[in-house]
């Protein structure tokens, strides 16, 4: 099994366990279910920077990135920096995140929050809404076309935005459907973890303009963003570049100021 298959296998066990601990009706009773979500897609369409800043403690490819900061500080820092949205990793085993991070980030800021997770079950989408997310991530590499359709439709029913992540043309072709808001191209190969911005550039022409185009992973310079904007990208997901510093919010602010200067 490659790392992605291993993560999904572990995720299935985790979701089964969660279902036995907190039932769907209990999730649906959360006060957050009544909250009106903020559309990240709409914010990105109007933004000059397009930055979605990520909170990530560690990853399978980089091990520890930053374990010392409180997520509240990071969330406030990103919001003050003018980020369009915040991505919060909620996977525990591989990324050191949790649903508590989602709750704390939501309590600290009003900007749209993306739950970054390996979603394989409708339960996780209700969970995302119940814990304060505005946006969910679906990964084409781990889902069939029918699963993408079912999961994205449920997200839309709950008022959540959907960011669908692809890595190649084959994944893109099976994924295009009206229940998506944003198409994210991950420049990182999830099997080898190598990064190449050419993936975003080559797929951009194949993504219809109905969707907000988002480039993810391996973006570490303002030049890269300017280059990607020429390929009609309006969103840029950046995590490690900010999180590897002592003050992610300050790093994000300096980066965003350079883009919009």
C-alpha atoms as a PDB file:
ATOM      1  CA  UNK A   1       0.000   0.000   0.000  1.00  0.00           C
ATOM      2  CA  UNK A   2       1.205   3.522  -0.803  1.00  0.00           C
ATOM      3  CA  UNK A   3       0.835   6.261   1.824  1.00  0.00           C
ATOM      4  CA  UNK A   4      -2.513   7.468   0.434  1.00  0.00           C
ATOM      5  CA  UNK A   5      -4.033   3.977   0.523  1.00  0.00           C
ATOM      6  CA  UNK A   6      -2.743   3.535   4.074  1.00  0.00           C
ATOM      7  CA  UNK A   7      -4.280   6.838   5.191  1.00  0.00           C
ATOM      8  CA  UNK A   8      -7.659   5.890   3.660  1.00  0.00           C
ATOM      9  CA  UNK A   9      -7.615   2.427   5.272  1.00  0.00           C
ATOM     10  CA  UNK A  10      -6.939   4.022   8.667  1.00  0.00           C
ATOM     11  CA  UNK A  11      -9.591   6.670   8.019  1.00  0.00           C
ATOM     12  CA  UNK A  12     -12.280   4.026   7.415  1.00  0.00           C
ATOM     13  CA  UNK A  13     -11.536   2.489  10.829  1.00  0.00           C
ATOM     14  CA  UNK A  14     -11.522   5.933  12.442  1.00  0.00           C
ATOM     15  CA  UNK A  15     -14.910   6.912  10.957  1.00  0.00           C
ATOM     16  CA  UNK A  16     -16.482   3.608  12.033  1.00  0.00           C
ATOM     17  CA  UNK A  17     -15.249   4.225  15.579  1.00  0.00           C
ATOM     18  CA  UNK A  18     -16.527   7.815  15.595  1.00  0.00           C
ATOM     19  CA  UNK A  19     -19.973   6.714  14.426  1.00  0.00           C
ATOM     20  CA  UNK A  20     -20.205   4.432  17.466  1.00  0.00           C
ATOM     21  CA  UNK A  21     -19.194   7.271  19.834  1.00  0.00           C
ATOM     22  CA  UNK A  22     -21.165  10.231  18.427  1.00  0.00           C
ATOM     23  CA  UNK A  23     -24.282   9.429  16.424  1.00  0.00           C
ATOM     24  CA  UNK A  24     -25.481  11.360  13.371  1.00  0.00           C
ATOM     25  CA  UNK A  25     -28.510  12.795  15.283  1.00  0.00           C
ATOM     26  CA  UNK A  26     -26.101  14.059  17.967  1.00  0.00           C
ATOM     27  CA  UNK A  27     -24.013  15.829  15.307  1.00  0.00           C
ATOM     28  CA  UNK A  28     -27.150  17.256  13.716  1.00  0.00           C
ATOM     29  CA  UNK A  29     -28.140  18.761  17.095  1.00  0.00           C
ATOM     30  CA  UNK A  30     -25.041  20.995  17.094  1.00  0.00           C
ATOM     31  CA  UNK A  31     -25.768  24.746  17.220  1.00  0.00           C
ATOM     32  CA  UNK A  32     -23.317  25.148  14.324  1.00  0.00           C
ATOM     33  CA  UNK A  33     -25.799  23.384  12.018  1.00  0.00           C
ATOM     34  CA  UNK A  34     -27.874  26.585  12.097  1.00  0.00           C
ATOM     35  CA  UNK A  35     -24.925  28.836  11.222  1.00  0.00           C
ATOM     36  CA  UNK A  36     -24.857  30.350   7.730  1.00  0.00           C
ATOM     37  CA  UNK A  37     -21.571  29.363   6.100  1.00  0.00           C
ATOM     38  CA  UNK A  38     -19.318  31.930   4.428  1.00  0.00           C
ATOM     39  CA  UNK A  39     -18.550  31.053   0.799  1.00  0.00           C
ATOM     40  CA  UNK A  40     -14.823  30.747   0.173  1.00  0.00           C
ATOM     41  CA  UNK A  41     -15.464  30.606  -3.585  1.00  0.00           C
ATOM     42  CA  UNK A  42     -17.167  34.022  -3.483  1.00  0.00           C
ATOM     43  CA  UNK A  43     -14.362  35.534  -1.401  1.00  0.00           C
ATOM     44  CA  UNK A  44     -11.736  34.184  -3.833  1.00  0.00           C
ATOM     45  CA  UNK A  45     -13.585  35.596  -6.857  1.00  0.00           C
ATOM     46  CA  UNK A  46     -13.354  39.103  -5.386  1.00  0.00           C
ATOM     47  CA  UNK A  47      -9.856  38.872  -3.899  1.00  0.00           C
ATOM     48  CA  UNK A  48      -6.594  40.347  -5.164  1.00  0.00           C
ATOM     49  CA  UNK A  49      -4.448  37.809  -3.305  1.00  0.00           C
ATOM     50  CA  UNK A  50      -6.405  34.529  -3.319  1.00  0.00           C
ATOM     51  CA  UNK A  51      -4.465  33.183  -0.336  1.00  0.00           C
ATOM     52  CA  UNK A  52      -5.922  30.278   1.639  1.00  0.00           C
ATOM     53  CA  UNK A  53      -3.547  29.945   4.593  1.00  0.00           C
ATOM     54  CA  UNK A  54      -3.186  26.541   6.205  1.00  0.00           C
ATOM     55  CA  UNK A  55      -2.648  25.349   9.754  1.00  0.00           C
ATOM     56  CA  UNK A  56      -0.565  22.189   9.619  1.00  0.00           C
ATOM     57  CA  UNK A  57       1.537  20.748  12.458  1.00  0.00           C
ATOM     58  CA  UNK A  58       3.180  17.928  10.566  1.00  0.00           C
ATOM     59  CA  UNK A  59       2.862  15.819   7.411  1.00  0.00           C
ATOM     60  CA  UNK A  60       3.970  12.382   6.203  1.00  0.00           C
ATOM     61  CA  UNK A  61       6.480  14.007   3.842  1.00  0.00           C
ATOM     62  CA  UNK A  62       7.960  16.646   6.165  1.00  0.00           C
ATOM     63  CA  UNK A  63       7.432  15.108   9.633  1.00  0.00           C
ATOM     64  CA  UNK A  64       7.213  18.005  12.145  1.00  0.00           C
ATOM     65  CA  UNK A  65       6.501  21.450  10.655  1.00  0.00           C
ATOM     66  CA  UNK A  66       5.409  23.413  13.729  1.00  0.00           C
ATOM     67  CA  UNK A  67       3.955  21.903  16.907  1.00  0.00           C
ATOM     68  CA  UNK A  68       4.465  24.874  19.232  1.00  0.00           C
ATOM     69  CA  UNK A  69       1.829  27.423  18.199  1.00  0.00           C
ATOM     70  CA  UNK A  70      -1.768  27.684  19.402  1.00  0.00           C
ATOM     71  CA  UNK A  71      -4.277  27.448  16.590  1.00  0.00           C
ATOM     72  CA  UNK A  72      -6.134  30.481  17.963  1.00  0.00           C
ATOM     73  CA  UNK A  73      -3.017  32.634  17.451  1.00  0.00           C
ATOM     74  CA  UNK A  74      -2.497  31.224  13.953  1.00  0.00           C
ATOM     75  CA  UNK A  75      -6.169  31.768  12.991  1.00  0.00           C
ATOM     76  CA  UNK A  76      -6.174  35.370  14.256  1.00  0.00           C
ATOM     77  CA  UNK A  77      -2.846  36.000  12.535  1.00  0.00           C
ATOM     78  CA  UNK A  78      -4.129  34.705   9.203  1.00  0.00           C
ATOM     79  CA  UNK A  79      -7.336  36.749   9.454  1.00  0.00           C
ATOM     80  CA  UNK A  80      -5.380  39.922  10.348  1.00  0.00           C
ATOM     81  CA  UNK A  81      -3.028  39.235   7.427  1.00  0.00           C
ATOM     82  CA  UNK A  82      -5.973  39.424   5.022  1.00  0.00           C
ATOM     83  CA  UNK A  83      -6.097  35.749   4.056  1.00  0.00           C
ATOM     84  CA  UNK A  84      -9.218  34.826   2.044  1.00  0.00           C
ATOM     85  CA  UNK A  85      -9.716  31.699   4.096  1.00  0.00           C
ATOM     86  CA  UNK A  86      -8.040  29.236   6.418  1.00  0.00           C
ATOM     87  CA  UNK A  87      -7.441  25.547   5.886  1.00  0.00           C
ATOM     88  CA  UNK A  88      -7.435  23.399   9.026  1.00  0.00           C
ATOM     89  CA  UNK A  89      -6.042  19.864   8.969  1.00  0.00           C
ATOM     90  CA  UNK A  90      -8.226  17.625  11.137  1.00  0.00           C
ATOM     91  CA  UNK A  91      -6.442  14.298  10.551  1.00  0.00           C
ATOM     92  CA  UNK A  92      -4.702  13.218  13.747  1.00  0.00           C
ATOM     93  CA  UNK A  93      -2.526  10.237  12.896  1.00  0.00           C
ATOM     94  CA  UNK A  94      -0.641  11.673   9.917  1.00  0.00           C
ATOM     95  CA  UNK A  95      -0.985  15.449  10.307  1.00  0.00           C
ATOM     96  CA  UNK A  96      -1.380  16.022  14.053  1.00  0.00           C
ATOM     97  CA  UNK A  97      -4.716  17.815  13.653  1.00  0.00           C
ATOM     98  CA  UNK A  98      -8.112  17.370  15.298  1.00  0.00           C
ATOM     99  CA  UNK A  99     -11.715  18.549  15.239  1.00  0.00           C
ATOM    100  CA  UNK A 100     -10.861  20.657  18.299  1.00  0.00           C
ATOM    101  CA  UNK A 101      -8.597  22.682  15.991  1.00  0.00           C
ATOM    102  CA  UNK A 102     -11.624  23.373  13.797  1.00  0.00           C
ATOM    103  CA  UNK A 103     -13.698  24.542  16.776  1.00  0.00           C
ATOM    104  CA  UNK A 104     -10.914  26.782  18.108  1.00  0.00           C
ATOM    105  CA  UNK A 105     -10.218  28.287  14.681  1.00  0.00           C
ATOM    106  CA  UNK A 106     -13.929  28.977  14.197  1.00  0.00           C
ATOM    107  CA  UNK A 107     -14.127  30.692  17.587  1.00  0.00           C
ATOM    108  CA  UNK A 108     -11.120  32.869  16.700  1.00  0.00           C
ATOM    109  CA  UNK A 109     -12.052  34.171  13.249  1.00  0.00           C
ATOM    110  CA  UNK A 110     -14.910  34.904  10.850  1.00  0.00           C
ATOM    111  CA  UNK A 111     -13.024  34.091   7.623  1.00  0.00           C
ATOM    112  CA  UNK A 112     -14.129  30.945   5.715  1.00  0.00           C
ATOM    113  CA  UNK A 113     -12.635  27.752   7.122  1.00  0.00           C
ATOM    114  CA  UNK A 114     -11.865  24.699   5.014  1.00  0.00           C
ATOM    115  CA  UNK A 115     -11.880  21.355   6.780  1.00  0.00           C
ATOM    116  CA  UNK A 116      -8.846  19.620   5.228  1.00  0.00           C
ATOM    117  CA  UNK A 117      -9.513  15.946   5.662  1.00  0.00           C
ATOM    118  CA  UNK A 118      -9.616  12.630   3.824  1.00  0.00           C
ATOM    119  CA  UNK A 119     -13.400  12.506   3.387  1.00  0.00           C
ATOM    120  CA  UNK A 120     -14.789   9.097   2.467  1.00  0.00           C
ATOM    121  CA  UNK A 121     -18.166   9.111   4.245  1.00  0.00           C
ATOM    122  CA  UNK A 122     -21.244  11.373   4.508  1.00  0.00           C
ATOM    123  CA  UNK A 123     -20.783  11.335   8.291  1.00  0.00           C
ATOM    124  CA  UNK A 124     -17.612  13.449   7.935  1.00  0.00           C
ATOM    125  CA  UNK A 125     -19.495  16.144   6.010  1.00  0.00           C
ATOM    126  CA  UNK A 126     -22.165  16.507   8.700  1.00  0.00           C
ATOM    127  CA  UNK A 127     -19.280  16.498  11.199  1.00  0.00           C
ATOM    128  CA  UNK A 128     -17.558  19.337   9.282  1.00  0.00           C
ATOM    129  CA  UNK A 129     -20.706  21.486   9.460  1.00  0.00           C
ATOM    130  CA  UNK A 130     -21.312  20.603  13.126  1.00  0.00           C
ATOM    131  CA  UNK A 131     -17.796  21.704  14.079  1.00  0.00           C
ATOM    132  CA  UNK A 132     -17.898  25.032  12.240  1.00  0.00           C
ATOM    133  CA  UNK A 133     -16.397  24.476   8.780  1.00  0.00           C
ATOM    134  CA  UNK A 134     -17.567  26.502   5.757  1.00  0.00           C
ATOM    135  CA  UNK A 135     -15.879  24.365   3.110  1.00  0.00           C
ATOM    136  CA  UNK A 136     -15.040  20.696   2.671  1.00  0.00           C
ATOM    137  CA  UNK A 137     -12.296  19.099   0.622  1.00  0.00           C
ATOM    138  CA  UNK A 138     -12.986  16.082  -1.575  1.00  0.00           C
ATOM    139  CA  UNK A 139     -10.016  14.222  -3.065  1.00  0.00           C
ATOM    140  CA  UNK A 140     -10.695  12.684  -6.483  1.00  0.00           C
ATOM    141  CA  UNK A 141      -7.841  10.184  -6.058  1.00  0.00           C
ATOM    142  CA  UNK A 142      -9.697   8.358  -3.267  1.00  0.00           C
ATOM    143  CA  UNK A 143     -13.306   8.663  -4.482  1.00  0.00           C
ATOM    144  CA  UNK A 144     -15.368   7.292  -7.367  1.00  0.00           C
ATOM    145  CA  UNK A 145     -17.467   9.599  -9.537  1.00  0.00           C
ATOM    146  CA  UNK A 146     -20.628   8.469  -7.712  1.00  0.00           C
ATOM    147  CA  UNK A 147     -19.050   9.122  -4.322  1.00  0.00           C
ATOM    148  CA  UNK A 148     -17.991  12.618  -5.401  1.00  0.00           C
ATOM    149  CA  UNK A 149     -21.554  13.284  -6.566  1.00  0.00           C
ATOM    150  CA  UNK A 150     -23.178  11.986  -3.361  1.00  0.00           C
ATOM    151  CA  UNK A 151     -20.771  13.721  -0.988  1.00  0.00           C
ATOM    152  CA  UNK A 152     -20.762  17.061  -2.820  1.00  0.00           C
ATOM    153  CA  UNK A 153     -24.580  17.139  -3.055  1.00  0.00           C
ATOM    154  CA  UNK A 154     -24.879  16.573   0.697  1.00  0.00           C
ATOM    155  CA  UNK A 155     -22.364  19.352   1.343  1.00  0.00           C
ATOM    156  CA  UNK A 156     -24.390  21.751  -0.817  1.00  0.00           C
ATOM    157  CA  UNK A 157     -27.594  20.767   1.033  1.00  0.00           C
ATOM    158  CA  UNK A 158     -25.849  21.722   4.274  1.00  0.00           C
ATOM    159  CA  UNK A 159     -24.752  25.065   2.800  1.00  0.00           C
ATOM    160  CA  UNK A 160     -21.071  24.161   2.548  1.00  0.00           C
ATOM    161  CA  UNK A 161     -18.721  25.039  -0.304  1.00  0.00           C
ATOM    162  CA  UNK A 162     -16.949  22.132  -2.012  1.00  0.00           C
ATOM    163  CA  UNK A 163     -13.303  22.152  -3.085  1.00  0.00           C
ATOM    164  CA  UNK A 164     -12.530  19.115  -5.248  1.00  0.00           C
ATOM    165  CA  UNK A 165      -8.854  18.217  -5.504  1.00  0.00           C
ATOM    166  CA  UNK A 166      -7.336  16.564  -8.577  1.00  0.00           C
ATOM    167  CA  UNK A 167      -3.812  15.539  -9.576  1.00  0.00           C
ATOM    168  CA  UNK A 168      -4.202  14.662 -13.265  1.00  0.00           C
ATOM    169  CA  UNK A 169      -6.500  14.857 -16.290  1.00  0.00           C
ATOM    170  CA  UNK A 170      -8.160  11.504 -15.610  1.00  0.00           C
ATOM    171  CA  UNK A 171      -9.248  12.611 -12.114  1.00  0.00           C
ATOM    172  CA  UNK A 172     -10.453  15.942 -13.492  1.00  0.00           C
ATOM    173  CA  UNK A 173     -12.617  14.371 -16.207  1.00  0.00           C
ATOM    174  CA  UNK A 174     -14.480  12.107 -13.772  1.00  0.00           C
ATOM    175  CA  UNK A 175     -15.011  14.952 -11.307  1.00  0.00           C
ATOM    176  CA  UNK A 176     -16.611  17.821 -13.215  1.00  0.00           C
ATOM    177  CA  UNK A 177     -20.150  18.311 -11.888  1.00  0.00           C
ATOM    178  CA  UNK A 178     -22.378  21.240 -10.887  1.00  0.00           C
ATOM    179  CA  UNK A 179     -22.291  20.435  -7.149  1.00  0.00           C
ATOM    180  CA  UNK A 180     -18.673  21.661  -6.914  1.00  0.00           C
ATOM    181  CA  UNK A 181     -17.598  25.267  -6.306  1.00  0.00           C
ATOM    182  CA  UNK A 182     -13.835  25.073  -6.651  1.00  0.00           C
ATOM    183  CA  UNK A 183     -11.422  22.836  -8.529  1.00  0.00           C
ATOM    184  CA  UNK A 184      -8.105  22.433  -6.747  1.00  0.00           C
ATOM    185  CA  UNK A 185      -5.039  21.138  -8.546  1.00  0.00           C
ATOM    186  CA  UNK A 186      -2.567  19.587  -6.134  1.00  0.00           C
ATOM    187  CA  UNK A 187       0.970  20.058  -7.373  1.00  0.00           C
ATOM    188  CA  UNK A 188       2.146  17.321  -5.011  1.00  0.00           C
ATOM    189  CA  UNK A 189       2.078  13.729  -6.200  1.00  0.00           C
ATOM    190  CA  UNK A 190       0.315  11.964  -3.318  1.00  0.00           C
ATOM    191  CA  UNK A 191       2.217   8.764  -4.020  1.00  0.00           C
ATOM    192  CA  UNK A 192       5.762  10.125  -4.286  1.00  0.00           C
ATOM    193  CA  UNK A 193       5.183  13.517  -2.546  1.00  0.00           C
ATOM    194  CA  UNK A 194       7.219  15.286  -5.258  1.00  0.00           C
ATOM    195  CA  UNK A 195       6.010  18.796  -6.192  1.00  0.00           C
ATOM    196  CA  UNK A 196       5.708  20.333  -9.677  1.00  0.00           C
ATOM    197  CA  UNK A 197       3.781  23.547 -10.506  1.00  0.00           C
ATOM    198  CA  UNK A 198       3.520  22.437 -14.150  1.00  0.00           C
ATOM    199  CA  UNK A 199       0.612  20.211 -13.053  1.00  0.00           C
ATOM    200  CA  UNK A 200      -1.499  23.310 -12.292  1.00  0.00           C
ATOM    201  CA  UNK A 201      -0.476  24.988 -15.543  1.00  0.00           C
ATOM    202  CA  UNK A 202      -1.241  21.998 -17.755  1.00  0.00           C
ATOM    203  CA  UNK A 203      -4.673  21.334 -16.207  1.00  0.00           C
ATOM    204  CA  UNK A 204      -5.868  24.950 -16.109  1.00  0.00           C
ATOM    205  CA  UNK A 205      -7.237  24.992 -19.674  1.00  0.00           C
ATOM    206  CA  UNK A 206      -9.264  21.855 -18.988  1.00  0.00           C
ATOM    207  CA  UNK A 207     -11.110  23.365 -16.005  1.00  0.00           C
ATOM    208  CA  UNK A 208     -14.316  25.202 -17.052  1.00  0.00           C
ATOM    209  CA  UNK A 209     -14.619  28.826 -15.908  1.00  0.00           C
ATOM    210  CA  UNK A 210     -17.732  27.957 -13.840  1.00  0.00           C
ATOM    211  CA  UNK A 211     -15.360  26.734 -11.134  1.00  0.00           C
ATOM    212  CA  UNK A 212     -12.917  28.797  -9.090  1.00  0.00           C
ATOM    213  CA  UNK A 213      -9.460  27.408  -9.853  1.00  0.00           C
ATOM    214  CA  UNK A 214      -7.238  26.748  -6.854  1.00  0.00           C
ATOM    215  CA  UNK A 215      -3.584  25.696  -6.945  1.00  0.00           C
ATOM    216  CA  UNK A 216      -2.366  23.679  -3.966  1.00  0.00           C
ATOM    217  CA  UNK A 217       1.029  22.632  -2.562  1.00  0.00           C
ATOM    218  CA  UNK A 218       4.567  23.701  -3.298  1.00  0.00           C
ATOM    219  CA  UNK A 219       3.771  27.405  -3.691  1.00  0.00           C
ATOM    220  CA  UNK A 220       6.470  29.323  -1.867  1.00  0.00           C
ATOM    221  CA  UNK A 221       7.036  32.533  -3.821  1.00  0.00           C
ATOM    222  CA  UNK A 222       5.078  35.558  -4.989  1.00  0.00           C
ATOM    223  CA  UNK A 223       6.509  34.921  -8.478  1.00  0.00           C
ATOM    224  CA  UNK A 224       4.861  31.473  -8.543  1.00  0.00           C
ATOM    225  CA  UNK A 225       1.493  33.065  -7.722  1.00  0.00           C
ATOM    226  CA  UNK A 226       1.852  35.726 -10.404  1.00  0.00           C
ATOM    227  CA  UNK A 227       2.708  32.971 -12.873  1.00  0.00           C
ATOM    228  CA  UNK A 228      -0.299  30.872 -11.850  1.00  0.00           C
ATOM    229  CA  UNK A 229      -2.637  33.872 -12.053  1.00  0.00           C
ATOM    230  CA  UNK A 230      -1.840  34.010 -15.767  1.00  0.00           C
ATOM    231  CA  UNK A 231      -3.379  30.528 -15.952  1.00  0.00           C
ATOM    232  CA  UNK A 232      -6.615  31.875 -14.353  1.00  0.00           C
ATOM    233  CA  UNK A 233      -5.996  30.581 -10.830  1.00  0.00           C
ATOM    234  CA  UNK A 234      -7.855  32.635  -8.210  1.00  0.00           C
ATOM    235  CA  UNK A 235      -6.983  30.613  -5.105  1.00  0.00           C
ATOM    236  CA  UNK A 236      -3.645  29.488  -3.679  1.00  0.00           C
ATOM    237  CA  UNK A 237      -3.434  27.084  -0.749  1.00  0.00           C
ATOM    238  CA  UNK A 238      -0.265  27.685   1.264  1.00  0.00           C
ATOM    239  CA  UNK A 239       0.656  25.917   4.476  1.00  0.00           C
ATOM    240  CA  UNK A 240       4.243  24.928   5.066  1.00  0.00           C
ATOM    241  CA  UNK A 241       5.606  28.246   3.808  1.00  0.00           C
ATOM    242  CA  UNK A 242       3.854  30.072   6.676  1.00  0.00           C
ATOM    243  CA  UNK A 243       3.787  27.312   9.297  1.00  0.00           C
ATOM    244  CA  UNK A 244       7.529  26.667   9.249  1.00  0.00           C
ATOM    245  CA  UNK A 245       8.067  30.197  10.676  1.00  0.00           C
ATOM    246  CA  UNK A 246       7.629  31.322  14.294  1.00  0.00           C
ATOM    247  CA  UNK A 247       4.845  33.738  13.310  1.00  0.00           C
ATOM    248  CA  UNK A 248       2.689  32.298  10.500  1.00  0.00           C
ATOM    249  CA  UNK A 249       0.336  35.296  10.591  1.00  0.00           C
ATOM    250  CA  UNK A 250       3.201  37.761  10.145  1.00  0.00           C
ATOM    251  CA  UNK A 251       4.680  35.636   7.313  1.00  0.00           C
ATOM    252  CA  UNK A 252       1.267  35.502   5.615  1.00  0.00           C
ATOM    253  CA  UNK A 253       0.832  39.282   5.949  1.00  0.00           C
ATOM    254  CA  UNK A 254       4.228  40.010   4.367  1.00  0.00           C
ATOM    255  CA  UNK A 255       3.512  37.530   1.563  1.00  0.00           C
ATOM    256  CA  UNK A 256       0.013  38.906   0.844  1.00  0.00           C
ATOM    257  CA  UNK A 257       1.281  42.520   0.895  1.00  0.00           C
ATOM    258  CA  UNK A 258       3.838  41.619  -1.795  1.00  0.00           C
ATOM    259  CA  UNK A 259       1.128  40.072  -3.999  1.00  0.00           C
ATOM    260  CA  UNK A 260      -1.226  43.027  -3.823  1.00  0.00           C
ATOM    261  CA  UNK A 261       1.513  45.695  -3.965  1.00  0.00           C
END
